[in-house]
Amino acid sequence: MLKIKNNILAIAVVLFVFTISMFLTACGGVKEGEYTENGLKFQVKNNSATVVGIEDNVTEVSIPSKFKGLSVAGIKENAFENSKVKKVAFNEEIYSNFYISENVFNNSDVENIENLPANASLDYRTFEGIKNLKSISVYGDGKYKVENGALVEISGDVKNLKLVPSAAIPQANFENGTYTISGYYTVSQNAFANNKFITDVVIGEGVKYVNENAFANINLNSVTIQNTNKSDLFIDDEAFTVHKNLKIFVPATTNQEMKSWLSYSKNFVYSYNWIVHPVGCTDNTPHIHGLRGTMVNGSLEGYSYNPSEETVDFEVGSYLITGVKVPDYVK
């Protein structure tokens, strides 16, 4: 009887060991949990690994496509946020279904990104808060490539401008502080954010969309719009940084054209960019054109404006805009 019990116990132990073995084999021999290797923090779950962080004071990391036999699925949001890492490199390999989430490089010291997988899936806020980037390169075939130092997204015959490194002088379409956006259908979120060299922007005729925060945290002097077809262009109301010196020049040469542009450009007023000009305007004092439906240059007198008010209501073309914040520089 004892012998039978021992046999049953032995069989149970064998089955248990076999089950554990099969489980570990299915998981690539790695238990679920968090691991640290070569300065990177990984999370293993559901038979894959994800980069979730970085060790303190690490300045260079290499993102593998495999971790302990498991596919690396991507980089989790905020993974390198506030870190000292200066160089993030990928292997010259194929990364399967790889994603890079939002705010990965936010407020980090990252200067170089090497061999970004061309087939990666990038969040629209992947590069938000990246301030020190000097260069980026791409490896493999996919929707991303680098042209003249800038990251470009290719969709059929359409090219979208994804990112211009903020800490490097632009290699093309740039002269004396002016960057001309040409040859791109869309300017993505954060494409020019935190750029240290661009002071003026020209939006070429072929551009159809300029997304929110495209020029966040830049001390722009002016934005010049070349596309005369207003219905063929959308500029998000949070595309530009708000500050007193920003001038937006629109392709208007008559009162009617200016009135039409102001009706379209109410989003500029929503962003509190109060200085929207027709081409050729040389008045450097704070002023608004065309409000109340007339072509008026000069001061804010006559616009029901009280310097002690925090907000004011405006008529822009046929639109009534209420609660517009009064900038400090005209109080």
C-alpha atoms as a PDB file:
ATOM      1  CA  MET A   1       0.000   0.000   0.000  1.00  0.00           C
ATOM      2  CA  LEU A   2       2.792   2.365   0.909  1.00  0.00           C
ATOM      3  CA  LYS A   3       4.495   1.509  -2.368  1.00  0.00           C
ATOM      4  CA  ILE A   4       1.358   2.455  -4.324  1.00  0.00           C
ATOM      5  CA  LYS A   5       1.114   5.782  -2.486  1.00  0.00           C
ATOM      6  CA  ASN A   6       4.752   6.508  -3.220  1.00  0.00           C
ATOM      7  CA  ASN A   7       4.192   5.716  -6.892  1.00  0.00           C
ATOM      8  CA  ILE A   8       1.183   8.031  -7.016  1.00  0.00           C
ATOM      9  CA  LEU A   9       3.208  10.767  -5.320  1.00  0.00           C
ATOM     10  CA  ALA A  10       6.057  10.270  -7.772  1.00  0.00           C
ATOM     11  CA  ILE A  11       3.674  10.481 -10.729  1.00  0.00           C
ATOM     12  CA  ALA A  12       2.128  13.664  -9.288  1.00  0.00           C
ATOM     13  CA  VAL A  13       5.569  15.243  -8.902  1.00  0.00           C
ATOM     14  CA  VAL A  14       6.468  14.306 -12.483  1.00  0.00           C
ATOM     15  CA  LEU A  15       3.207  15.788 -13.781  1.00  0.00           C
ATOM     16  CA  PHE A  16       3.762  18.963 -11.774  1.00  0.00           C
ATOM     17  CA  VAL A  17       7.303  19.355 -13.061  1.00  0.00           C
ATOM     18  CA  PHE A  18       6.077  18.630 -16.611  1.00  0.00           C
ATOM     19  CA  THR A  19       3.351  21.265 -16.319  1.00  0.00           C
ATOM     20  CA  ILE A  20       5.776  23.878 -15.017  1.00  0.00           C
ATOM     21  CA  SER A  21       8.205  22.957 -17.765  1.00  0.00           C
ATOM     22  CA  MET A  22       5.535  23.336 -20.428  1.00  0.00           C
ATOM     23  CA  PHE A  23       4.489  26.695 -18.974  1.00  0.00           C
ATOM     24  CA  LEU A  24       8.030  28.002 -18.978  1.00  0.00           C
ATOM     25  CA  THR A  25       8.565  26.707 -22.488  1.00  0.00           C
ATOM     26  CA  ALA A  26       5.433  28.493 -23.651  1.00  0.00           C
ATOM     27  CA  CYS A  27       6.745  31.683 -22.062  1.00  0.00           C
ATOM     28  CA  GLY A  28      10.158  31.298 -23.607  1.00  0.00           C
ATOM     29  CA  GLY A  29      11.544  30.126 -20.299  1.00  0.00           C
ATOM     30  CA  VAL A  30      10.743  33.454 -18.621  1.00  0.00           C
ATOM     31  CA  LYS A  31       8.259  33.970 -15.834  1.00  0.00           C
ATOM     32  CA  GLU A  32       5.955  36.957 -15.958  1.00  0.00           C
ATOM     33  CA  GLY A  33       7.267  39.964 -14.061  1.00  0.00           C
ATOM     34  CA  GLU A  34       9.795  42.806 -14.316  1.00  0.00           C
ATOM     35  CA  TYR A  35      13.441  42.398 -15.283  1.00  0.00           C
ATOM     36  CA  THR A  36      16.442  44.668 -15.717  1.00  0.00           C
ATOM     37  CA  GLU A  37      19.094  44.079 -18.348  1.00  0.00           C
ATOM     38  CA  ASN A  38      21.702  46.346 -19.973  1.00  0.00           C
ATOM     39  CA  GLY A  39      20.228  49.428 -18.338  1.00  0.00           C
ATOM     40  CA  LEU A  40      16.674  48.746 -19.517  1.00  0.00           C
ATOM     41  CA  LYS A  41      13.664  47.683 -17.490  1.00  0.00           C
ATOM     42  CA  PHE A  42      11.403  45.091 -19.095  1.00  0.00           C
ATOM     43  CA  GLN A  43       7.982  43.776 -18.228  1.00  0.00           C
ATOM     44  CA  VAL A  44       7.178  40.229 -19.327  1.00  0.00           C
ATOM     45  CA  LYS A  45       3.509  39.475 -19.753  1.00  0.00           C
ATOM     46  CA  ASN A  46       1.320  37.466 -22.120  1.00  0.00           C
ATOM     47  CA  ASN A  47       4.313  35.817 -23.754  1.00  0.00           C
ATOM     48  CA  SER A  48       5.986  39.085 -24.800  1.00  0.00           C
ATOM     49  CA  ALA A  49       8.268  41.744 -23.342  1.00  0.00           C
ATOM     50  CA  THR A  50       7.856  45.499 -23.159  1.00  0.00           C
ATOM     51  CA  VAL A  51      10.413  48.201 -22.344  1.00  0.00           C
ATOM     52  CA  VAL A  52       8.946  50.065 -19.383  1.00  0.00           C
ATOM     53  CA  GLY A  53      11.839  52.122 -18.047  1.00  0.00           C
ATOM     54  CA  ILE A  54      15.532  52.768 -17.705  1.00  0.00           C
ATOM     55  CA  GLU A  55      18.002  52.611 -14.836  1.00  0.00           C
ATOM     56  CA  ASP A  56      19.199  55.841 -13.260  1.00  0.00           C
ATOM     57  CA  ASN A  57      22.174  57.618 -14.861  1.00  0.00           C
ATOM     58  CA  VAL A  58      22.269  55.315 -17.904  1.00  0.00           C
ATOM     59  CA  THR A  59      23.318  57.406 -20.920  1.00  0.00           C
ATOM     60  CA  GLU A  60      23.116  54.870 -23.777  1.00  0.00           C
ATOM     61  CA  VAL A  61      20.709  52.000 -24.404  1.00  0.00           C
ATOM     62  CA  SER A  62      20.104  49.510 -27.188  1.00  0.00           C
ATOM     63  CA  ILE A  63      16.536  48.321 -27.693  1.00  0.00           C
ATOM     64  CA  PRO A  64      16.554  44.637 -28.717  1.00  0.00           C
ATOM     65  CA  SER A  65      13.932  42.943 -30.863  1.00  0.00           C
ATOM     66  CA  LYS A  66      14.058  39.914 -28.526  1.00  0.00           C
ATOM     67  CA  PHE A  67      14.357  39.599 -24.771  1.00  0.00           C
ATOM     68  CA  LYS A  68      15.153  36.153 -23.342  1.00  0.00           C
ATOM     69  CA  GLY A  69      13.653  34.561 -26.430  1.00  0.00           C
ATOM     70  CA  LEU A  70      10.473  36.667 -26.363  1.00  0.00           C
ATOM     71  CA  SER A  71       9.524  39.309 -28.919  1.00  0.00           C
ATOM     72  CA  VAL A  72       9.819  42.860 -27.619  1.00  0.00           C
ATOM     73  CA  ALA A  73       6.397  44.370 -28.292  1.00  0.00           C
ATOM     74  CA  GLY A  74       7.326  48.014 -27.811  1.00  0.00           C
ATOM     75  CA  ILE A  75       8.179  50.860 -25.465  1.00  0.00           C
ATOM     76  CA  LYS A  76       5.649  51.862 -22.832  1.00  0.00           C
ATOM     77  CA  GLU A  77       4.544  55.469 -22.291  1.00  0.00           C
ATOM     78  CA  ASN A  78       6.954  57.703 -20.322  1.00  0.00           C
ATOM     79  CA  ALA A  79       9.600  54.958 -20.375  1.00  0.00           C
ATOM     80  CA  PHE A  80      12.556  57.369 -20.693  1.00  0.00           C
ATOM     81  CA  GLU A  81      10.897  60.423 -19.183  1.00  0.00           C
ATOM     82  CA  ASN A  82      13.258  62.693 -17.188  1.00  0.00           C
ATOM     83  CA  SER A  83      16.142  60.270 -17.818  1.00  0.00           C
ATOM     84  CA  LYS A  84      19.804  61.027 -18.493  1.00  0.00           C
ATOM     85  CA  VAL A  85      19.923  58.814 -21.593  1.00  0.00           C
ATOM     86  CA  LYS A  86      21.506  60.558 -24.574  1.00  0.00           C
ATOM     87  CA  LYS A  87      21.496  57.788 -27.168  1.00  0.00           C
ATOM     88  CA  VAL A  88      18.693  55.324 -27.920  1.00  0.00           C
ATOM     89  CA  ALA A  89      19.612  52.748 -30.575  1.00  0.00           C
ATOM     90  CA  PHE A  90      17.728  49.887 -32.210  1.00  0.00           C
ATOM     91  CA  ASN A  91      19.313  46.855 -33.834  1.00  0.00           C
ATOM     92  CA  GLU A  92      19.436  46.497 -37.584  1.00  0.00           C
ATOM     93  CA  GLU A  93      16.694  43.880 -37.387  1.00  0.00           C
ATOM     94  CA  ILE A  94      13.001  43.450 -38.104  1.00  0.00           C
ATOM     95  CA  TYR A  95      10.822  44.442 -35.153  1.00  0.00           C
ATOM     96  CA  SER A  96       7.489  42.651 -35.413  1.00  0.00           C
ATOM     97  CA  ASN A  97       4.386  44.732 -34.551  1.00  0.00           C
ATOM     98  CA  PHE A  98       6.567  47.109 -32.561  1.00  0.00           C
ATOM     99  CA  TYR A  99       5.020  50.224 -31.029  1.00  0.00           C
ATOM    100  CA  ILE A 100       6.398  53.320 -29.305  1.00  0.00           C
ATOM    101  CA  SER A 101       3.853  54.880 -26.994  1.00  0.00           C
ATOM    102  CA  GLU A 102       3.278  58.482 -25.895  1.00  0.00           C
ATOM    103  CA  ASN A 103       5.701  60.768 -24.040  1.00  0.00           C
ATOM    104  CA  VAL A 104       8.480  58.179 -24.215  1.00  0.00           C
ATOM    105  CA  PHE A 105      11.232  60.826 -24.442  1.00  0.00           C
ATOM    106  CA  ASN A 106       9.526  63.587 -22.463  1.00  0.00           C
ATOM    107  CA  ASN A 107      12.028  65.913 -20.787  1.00  0.00           C
ATOM    108  CA  SER A 108      14.883  63.444 -21.334  1.00  0.00           C
ATOM    109  CA  ASP A 109      18.443  64.131 -22.470  1.00  0.00           C
ATOM    110  CA  VAL A 110      18.046  62.101 -25.687  1.00  0.00           C
ATOM    111  CA  GLU A 111      20.243  63.530 -28.458  1.00  0.00           C
ATOM    112  CA  ASN A 112      20.395  60.640 -30.909  1.00  0.00           C
ATOM    113  CA  ILE A 113      17.883  58.011 -32.010  1.00  0.00           C
ATOM    114  CA  GLU A 114      19.469  55.379 -34.249  1.00  0.00           C
ATOM    115  CA  ASN A 115      17.834  52.761 -36.499  1.00  0.00           C
ATOM    116  CA  LEU A 116      14.246  53.562 -35.576  1.00  0.00           C
ATOM    117  CA  PRO A 117      12.263  50.645 -37.080  1.00  0.00           C
ATOM    118  CA  ALA A 118      10.669  51.864 -40.306  1.00  0.00           C
ATOM    119  CA  ASN A 119       7.619  49.700 -39.666  1.00  0.00           C
ATOM    120  CA  ALA A 120       7.082  50.830 -36.060  1.00  0.00           C
ATOM    121  CA  SER A 121       3.743  52.133 -34.858  1.00  0.00           C
ATOM    122  CA  LEU A 122       4.228  55.602 -33.355  1.00  0.00           C
ATOM    123  CA  ASP A 123       1.740  57.348 -31.096  1.00  0.00           C
ATOM    124  CA  TYR A 124       0.843  60.878 -32.159  1.00  0.00           C
ATOM    125  CA  ARG A 125       2.484  62.036 -28.925  1.00  0.00           C
ATOM    126  CA  THR A 126       5.559  59.787 -29.074  1.00  0.00           C
ATOM    127  CA  PHE A 127       7.923  62.752 -29.445  1.00  0.00           C
ATOM    128  CA  GLU A 128       6.125  65.146 -27.128  1.00  0.00           C
ATOM    129  CA  GLY A 129       8.546  66.874 -24.789  1.00  0.00           C
ATOM    130  CA  ILE A 130      11.720  65.851 -26.638  1.00  0.00           C
ATOM    131  CA  LYS A 131      13.991  68.898 -26.457  1.00  0.00           C
ATOM    132  CA  ASN A 132      17.599  67.851 -27.097  1.00  0.00           C
ATOM    133  CA  LEU A 133      17.355  65.677 -30.221  1.00  0.00           C
ATOM    134  CA  LYS A 134      20.154  66.281 -32.718  1.00  0.00           C
ATOM    135  CA  SER A 135      19.703  63.359 -35.114  1.00  0.00           C
ATOM    136  CA  ILE A 136      17.418  60.477 -35.992  1.00  0.00           C
ATOM    137  CA  SER A 137      17.902  57.597 -38.413  1.00  0.00           C
ATOM    138  CA  VAL A 138      15.622  54.811 -39.677  1.00  0.00           C
ATOM    139  CA  TYR A 139      16.318  51.172 -40.539  1.00  0.00           C
ATOM    140  CA  GLY A 140      14.352  48.801 -42.736  1.00  0.00           C
ATOM    141  CA  ASP A 141      11.361  49.099 -45.043  1.00  0.00           C
ATOM    142  CA  GLY A 142       8.155  50.700 -43.837  1.00  0.00           C
ATOM    143  CA  LYS A 143       6.225  53.922 -43.658  1.00  0.00           C
ATOM    144  CA  TYR A 144       8.997  55.965 -42.019  1.00  0.00           C
ATOM    145  CA  LYS A 145      12.164  57.376 -43.539  1.00  0.00           C
ATOM    146  CA  VAL A 146      14.555  60.264 -42.943  1.00  0.00           C
ATOM    147  CA  GLU A 147      14.876  63.086 -45.467  1.00  0.00           C
ATOM    148  CA  ASN A 148      17.354  65.902 -44.881  1.00  0.00           C
ATOM    149  CA  GLY A 149      17.577  64.967 -41.228  1.00  0.00           C
ATOM    150  CA  ALA A 150      13.786  65.043 -40.664  1.00  0.00           C
ATOM    151  CA  LEU A 151      11.551  62.063 -39.919  1.00  0.00           C
ATOM    152  CA  VAL A 152       8.946  61.619 -42.649  1.00  0.00           C
ATOM    153  CA  GLU A 153       5.889  59.379 -42.783  1.00  0.00           C
ATOM    154  CA  ILE A 154       4.986  57.968 -46.205  1.00  0.00           C
ATOM    155  CA  SER A 155       1.398  57.023 -47.023  1.00  0.00           C
ATOM    156  CA  GLY A 156       1.037  56.114 -50.692  1.00  0.00           C
ATOM    157  CA  ASP A 157       2.051  59.197 -52.651  1.00  0.00           C
ATOM    158  CA  VAL A 158       1.575  61.462 -49.631  1.00  0.00           C
ATOM    159  CA  LYS A 159       4.394  62.590 -47.345  1.00  0.00           C
ATOM    160  CA  ASN A 160       3.761  63.815 -43.820  1.00  0.00           C
ATOM    161  CA  LEU A 161       6.351  65.705 -41.792  1.00  0.00           C
ATOM    162  CA  LYS A 162       6.679  63.823 -38.508  1.00  0.00           C
ATOM    163  CA  LEU A 163       9.659  65.357 -36.707  1.00  0.00           C
ATOM    164  CA  VAL A 164      12.392  67.935 -37.239  1.00  0.00           C
ATOM    165  CA  PRO A 165      15.114  67.467 -34.579  1.00  0.00           C
ATOM    166  CA  SER A 166      14.825  70.340 -32.126  1.00  0.00           C
ATOM    167  CA  ALA A 167      18.526  70.724 -31.301  1.00  0.00           C
ATOM    168  CA  ALA A 168      19.947  70.637 -34.841  1.00  0.00           C
ATOM    169  CA  ILE A 169      19.944  73.280 -37.557  1.00  0.00           C
ATOM    170  CA  PRO A 170      17.455  72.105 -40.242  1.00  0.00           C
ATOM    171  CA  GLN A 171      19.285  70.678 -43.243  1.00  0.00           C
ATOM    172  CA  ALA A 172      16.827  71.900 -45.899  1.00  0.00           C
ATOM    173  CA  ASN A 173      14.136  74.533 -46.528  1.00  0.00           C
ATOM    174  CA  PHE A 174      15.797  76.754 -43.941  1.00  0.00           C
ATOM    175  CA  GLU A 175      17.473  80.130 -44.275  1.00  0.00           C
ATOM    176  CA  ASN A 176      18.099  82.951 -41.803  1.00  0.00           C
ATOM    177  CA  GLY A 177      15.789  81.428 -39.228  1.00  0.00           C
ATOM    178  CA  THR A 178      12.921  80.849 -41.679  1.00  0.00           C
ATOM    179  CA  TYR A 179      11.666  77.317 -42.316  1.00  0.00           C
ATOM    180  CA  THR A 180       9.518  76.791 -45.413  1.00  0.00           C
ATOM    181  CA  ILE A 181       7.218  73.793 -45.193  1.00  0.00           C
ATOM    182  CA  SER A 182       7.026  72.410 -48.720  1.00  0.00           C
ATOM    183  CA  GLY A 183       6.284  69.010 -50.208  1.00  0.00           C
ATOM    184  CA  TYR A 184       4.323  67.725 -47.207  1.00  0.00           C
ATOM    185  CA  TYR A 185       0.614  67.067 -46.878  1.00  0.00           C
ATOM    186  CA  THR A 186       0.477  67.149 -43.075  1.00  0.00           C
ATOM    187  CA  VAL A 187       2.578  68.650 -40.310  1.00  0.00           C
ATOM    188  CA  SER A 188       2.248  66.256 -37.383  1.00  0.00           C
ATOM    189  CA  GLN A 189       1.821  66.990 -33.695  1.00  0.00           C
ATOM    190  CA  ASN A 190       5.082  68.188 -32.106  1.00  0.00           C
ATOM    191  CA  ALA A 191       6.871  68.148 -35.475  1.00  0.00           C
ATOM    192  CA  PHE A 192       8.751  71.384 -34.689  1.00  0.00           C
ATOM    193  CA  ALA A 193       8.157  71.554 -30.941  1.00  0.00           C
ATOM    194  CA  ASN A 194      11.006  73.013 -28.847  1.00  0.00           C
ATOM    195  CA  ASN A 195      13.074  73.876 -31.920  1.00  0.00           C
ATOM    196  CA  LYS A 196      15.977  76.124 -30.994  1.00  0.00           C
ATOM    197  CA  PHE A 197      16.723  77.588 -34.433  1.00  0.00           C
ATOM    198  CA  ILE A 198      13.431  78.363 -36.213  1.00  0.00           C
ATOM    199  CA  THR A 199      12.119  81.901 -35.738  1.00  0.00           C
ATOM    200  CA  ASP A 200       9.770  82.228 -38.730  1.00  0.00           C
ATOM    201  CA  VAL A 201       7.629  79.746 -40.661  1.00  0.00           C
ATOM    202  CA  VAL A 202       6.243  79.736 -44.202  1.00  0.00           C
ATOM    203  CA  ILE A 203       3.396  77.296 -44.814  1.00  0.00           C
ATOM    204  CA  GLY A 204       3.597  76.329 -48.500  1.00  0.00           C
ATOM    205  CA  GLU A 205       0.647  75.855 -50.825  1.00  0.00           C
ATOM    206  CA  GLY A 206       0.753  72.046 -50.758  1.00  0.00           C
ATOM    207  CA  VAL A 207       0.259  71.775 -46.991  1.00  0.00           C
ATOM    208  CA  LYS A 208      -3.272  70.662 -46.039  1.00  0.00           C
ATOM    209  CA  TYR A 209      -3.077  70.123 -42.257  1.00  0.00           C
ATOM    210  CA  VAL A 210      -1.046  71.642 -39.436  1.00  0.00           C
ATOM    211  CA  ASN A 211      -1.851  69.740 -36.267  1.00  0.00           C
ATOM    212  CA  GLU A 212      -1.977  70.799 -32.631  1.00  0.00           C
ATOM    213  CA  ASN A 213       1.316  71.570 -30.891  1.00  0.00           C
ATOM    214  CA  ALA A 214       3.167  71.348 -34.209  1.00  0.00           C
ATOM    215  CA  PHE A 215       5.140  74.455 -33.173  1.00  0.00           C
ATOM    216  CA  ALA A 216       4.764  74.227 -29.399  1.00  0.00           C
ATOM    217  CA  ASN A 217       7.318  76.043 -27.257  1.00  0.00           C
ATOM    218  CA  ILE A 218       8.976  77.997 -30.059  1.00  0.00           C
ATOM    219  CA  ASN A 219       9.490  81.763 -29.920  1.00  0.00           C
ATOM    220  CA  LEU A 220       8.141  82.378 -33.394  1.00  0.00           C
ATOM    221  CA  ASN A 221       8.148  85.879 -34.876  1.00  0.00           C
ATOM    222  CA  SER A 222       5.859  85.168 -37.796  1.00  0.00           C
ATOM    223  CA  VAL A 223       3.855  82.584 -39.712  1.00  0.00           C
ATOM    224  CA  THR A 224       3.182  83.258 -43.387  1.00  0.00           C
ATOM    225  CA  ILE A 225       0.448  81.303 -45.157  1.00  0.00           C
ATOM    226  CA  GLN A 226       0.834  80.921 -48.932  1.00  0.00           C
ATOM    227  CA  ASN A 227      -2.241  78.827 -49.736  1.00  0.00           C
ATOM    228  CA  THR A 228      -4.946  81.211 -50.984  1.00  0.00           C
ATOM    229  CA  ASN A 229      -7.626  78.490 -50.878  1.00  0.00           C
ATOM    230  CA  LYS A 230      -8.834  78.589 -47.270  1.00  0.00           C
ATOM    231  CA  SER A 231     -11.028  75.509 -47.691  1.00  0.00           C
ATOM    232  CA  ASP A 232      -7.934  73.563 -48.750  1.00  0.00           C
ATOM    233  CA  LEU A 233      -6.038  74.195 -45.508  1.00  0.00           C
ATOM    234  CA  PHE A 234      -6.704  73.356 -41.861  1.00  0.00           C
ATOM    235  CA  ILE A 235      -4.564  74.754 -39.068  1.00  0.00           C
ATOM    236  CA  ASP A 236      -5.401  73.469 -35.611  1.00  0.00           C
ATOM    237  CA  ASP A 237      -6.178  76.162 -33.070  1.00  0.00           C
ATOM    238  CA  GLU A 238      -3.316  74.947 -30.855  1.00  0.00           C
ATOM    239  CA  ALA A 239      -0.693  74.725 -33.593  1.00  0.00           C
ATOM    240  CA  PHE A 240       1.360  77.747 -32.497  1.00  0.00           C
ATOM    241  CA  THR A 241       2.880  78.904 -29.261  1.00  0.00           C
ATOM    242  CA  VAL A 242       1.107  81.894 -27.759  1.00  0.00           C
ATOM    243  CA  HIS A 243       3.285  84.961 -27.232  1.00  0.00           C
ATOM    244  CA  LYS A 244       3.099  88.643 -27.969  1.00  0.00           C
ATOM    245  CA  ASN A 245       5.432  88.827 -30.968  1.00  0.00           C
ATOM    246  CA  LEU A 246       3.738  86.223 -33.158  1.00  0.00           C
ATOM    247  CA  LYS A 247       2.359  87.656 -36.396  1.00  0.00           C
ATOM    248  CA  ILE A 248       0.263  85.564 -38.771  1.00  0.00           C
ATOM    249  CA  PHE A 249       0.328  86.793 -42.374  1.00  0.00           C
ATOM    250  CA  VAL A 250      -2.507  85.613 -44.611  1.00  0.00           C
ATOM    251  CA  PRO A 251      -2.665  85.998 -48.433  1.00  0.00           C
ATOM    252  CA  ALA A 252      -5.196  88.834 -48.475  1.00  0.00           C
ATOM    253  CA  THR A 253      -4.848  92.004 -50.551  1.00  0.00           C
ATOM    254  CA  THR A 254      -8.376  93.437 -50.334  1.00  0.00           C
ATOM    255  CA  ASN A 255     -10.840  94.202 -47.541  1.00  0.00           C
ATOM    256  CA  GLN A 256     -13.134  91.381 -48.634  1.00  0.00           C
ATOM    257  CA  GLU A 257     -10.286  88.855 -48.718  1.00  0.00           C
ATOM    258  CA  MET A 258      -9.174  89.901 -45.256  1.00  0.00           C
ATOM    259  CA  LYS A 259     -12.713  89.635 -43.906  1.00  0.00           C
ATOM    260  CA  SER A 260     -12.975  86.176 -45.408  1.00  0.00           C
ATOM    261  CA  TRP A 261      -9.643  85.100 -43.900  1.00  0.00           C
ATOM    262  CA  LEU A 262     -10.627  86.385 -40.479  1.00  0.00           C
ATOM    263  CA  SER A 263     -13.838  84.363 -40.652  1.00  0.00           C
ATOM    264  CA  TYR A 264     -11.756  81.297 -41.469  1.00  0.00           C
ATOM    265  CA  SER A 265      -8.994  82.204 -39.034  1.00  0.00           C
ATOM    266  CA  LYS A 266     -11.125  82.403 -35.907  1.00  0.00           C
ATOM    267  CA  ASN A 267      -8.996  79.544 -34.615  1.00  0.00           C
ATOM    268  CA  PHE A 268      -6.047  81.943 -34.446  1.00  0.00           C
ATOM    269  CA  VAL A 269      -8.086  84.208 -32.181  1.00  0.00           C
ATOM    270  CA  TYR A 270      -9.126  81.214 -30.087  1.00  0.00           C
ATOM    271  CA  SER A 271      -5.409  80.661 -29.575  1.00  0.00           C
ATOM    272  CA  TYR A 272      -5.105  84.304 -28.506  1.00  0.00           C
ATOM    273  CA  ASN A 273      -2.796  85.119 -31.426  1.00  0.00           C
ATOM    274  CA  TRP A 274      -4.271  88.571 -31.797  1.00  0.00           C
ATOM    275  CA  ILE A 275      -2.083  89.814 -34.609  1.00  0.00           C
ATOM    276  CA  VAL A 276      -3.471  88.400 -37.877  1.00  0.00           C
ATOM    277  CA  HIS A 277      -2.309  90.481 -40.850  1.00  0.00           C
ATOM    278  CA  PRO A 278      -2.768  90.733 -44.574  1.00  0.00           C
ATOM    279  CA  VAL A 279       0.422  90.417 -46.594  1.00  0.00           C
ATOM    280  CA  GLY A 280       2.311  93.672 -46.692  1.00  0.00           C
ATOM    281  CA  CYS A 281       1.313  94.863 -43.203  1.00  0.00           C
ATOM    282  CA  THR A 282       4.256  96.628 -41.529  1.00  0.00           C
ATOM    283  CA  ASP A 283       2.598  97.956 -38.369  1.00  0.00           C
ATOM    284  CA  ASN A 284       4.520  96.548 -35.412  1.00  0.00           C
ATOM    285  CA  THR A 285       2.165  97.781 -32.685  1.00  0.00           C
ATOM    286  CA  PRO A 286      -0.404  95.369 -31.197  1.00  0.00           C
ATOM    287  CA  HIS A 287      -3.478  95.599 -33.414  1.00  0.00           C
ATOM    288  CA  ILE A 288      -6.195  93.538 -35.087  1.00  0.00           C
ATOM    289  CA  HIS A 289      -7.433  93.661 -38.664  1.00  0.00           C
ATOM    290  CA  GLY A 290     -11.009  93.465 -39.832  1.00  0.00           C
ATOM    291  CA  LEU A 291     -12.850  92.946 -36.550  1.00  0.00           C
ATOM    292  CA  ARG A 292     -16.435  94.294 -36.575  1.00  0.00           C
ATOM    293  CA  GLY A 293     -16.360  93.496 -40.303  1.00  0.00           C
ATOM    294  CA  THR A 294     -14.272  96.497 -41.384  1.00  0.00           C
ATOM    295  CA  MET A 295     -10.669  96.923 -42.481  1.00  0.00           C
ATOM    296  CA  VAL A 296      -9.279  98.673 -39.394  1.00  0.00           C
ATOM    297  CA  ASN A 297      -5.626  99.063 -38.490  1.00  0.00           C
ATOM    298  CA  GLY A 298      -4.253 100.471 -35.270  1.00  0.00           C
ATOM    299  CA  SER A 299      -5.286 100.347 -31.632  1.00  0.00           C
ATOM    300  CA  LEU A 300      -7.938  98.326 -29.848  1.00  0.00           C
ATOM    301  CA  GLU A 301     -10.154 101.384 -29.320  1.00  0.00           C
ATOM    302  CA  GLY A 302     -13.683 100.921 -30.576  1.00  0.00           C
ATOM    303  CA  TYR A 303     -13.789  97.185 -29.861  1.00  0.00           C
ATOM    304  CA  SER A 304     -15.587  97.290 -26.480  1.00  0.00           C
ATOM    305  CA  TYR A 305     -12.232  96.532 -24.881  1.00  0.00           C
ATOM    306  CA  ASN A 306     -11.545  97.363 -21.246  1.00  0.00           C
ATOM    307  CA  PRO A 307      -7.916  96.986 -20.072  1.00  0.00           C
ATOM    308  CA  SER A 308      -9.115  95.713 -16.697  1.00  0.00           C
ATOM    309  CA  GLU A 309     -11.059  92.831 -18.270  1.00  0.00           C
ATOM    310  CA  GLU A 310      -9.605  89.343 -18.413  1.00  0.00           C
ATOM    311  CA  THR A 311     -11.667  88.355 -21.465  1.00  0.00           C
ATOM    312  CA  VAL A 312     -13.413  90.135 -24.314  1.00  0.00           C
ATOM    313  CA  ASP A 313     -15.986  89.247 -26.994  1.00  0.00           C
ATOM    314  CA  PHE A 314     -15.239  89.753 -30.686  1.00  0.00           C
ATOM    315  CA  GLU A 315     -17.110  89.522 -33.941  1.00  0.00           C
ATOM    316  CA  VAL A 316     -14.902  87.943 -36.607  1.00  0.00           C
ATOM    317  CA  GLY A 317     -16.688  87.999 -39.928  1.00  0.00           C
ATOM    318  CA  SER A 318     -19.997  86.265 -39.283  1.00  0.00           C
ATOM    319  CA  TYR A 319     -18.763  84.593 -36.076  1.00  0.00           C
ATOM    320  CA  LEU A 320     -19.201  85.795 -32.508  1.00  0.00           C
ATOM    321  CA  ILE A 321     -16.257  84.701 -30.386  1.00  0.00           C
ATOM    322  CA  THR A 322     -16.826  85.048 -26.669  1.00  0.00           C
ATOM    323  CA  GLY A 323     -14.525  84.863 -23.697  1.00  0.00           C
ATOM    324  CA  VAL A 324     -11.245  85.479 -25.550  1.00  0.00           C
ATOM    325  CA  LYS A 325      -8.436  85.983 -23.046  1.00  0.00           C
ATOM    326  CA  VAL A 326      -6.788  89.396 -23.181  1.00  0.00           C
ATOM    327  CA  PRO A 327      -3.003  88.988 -23.598  1.00  0.00           C
ATOM    328  CA  ASP A 328      -0.891  90.676 -20.951  1.00  0.00           C
ATOM    329  CA  TYR A 329       1.003  92.703 -23.533  1.00  0.00           C
ATOM    330  CA  VAL A 330      -2.049  94.790 -24.476  1.00  0.00           C
ATOM    331  CA  LYS A 331      -3.342  95.358 -20.936  1.00  0.00           C
END
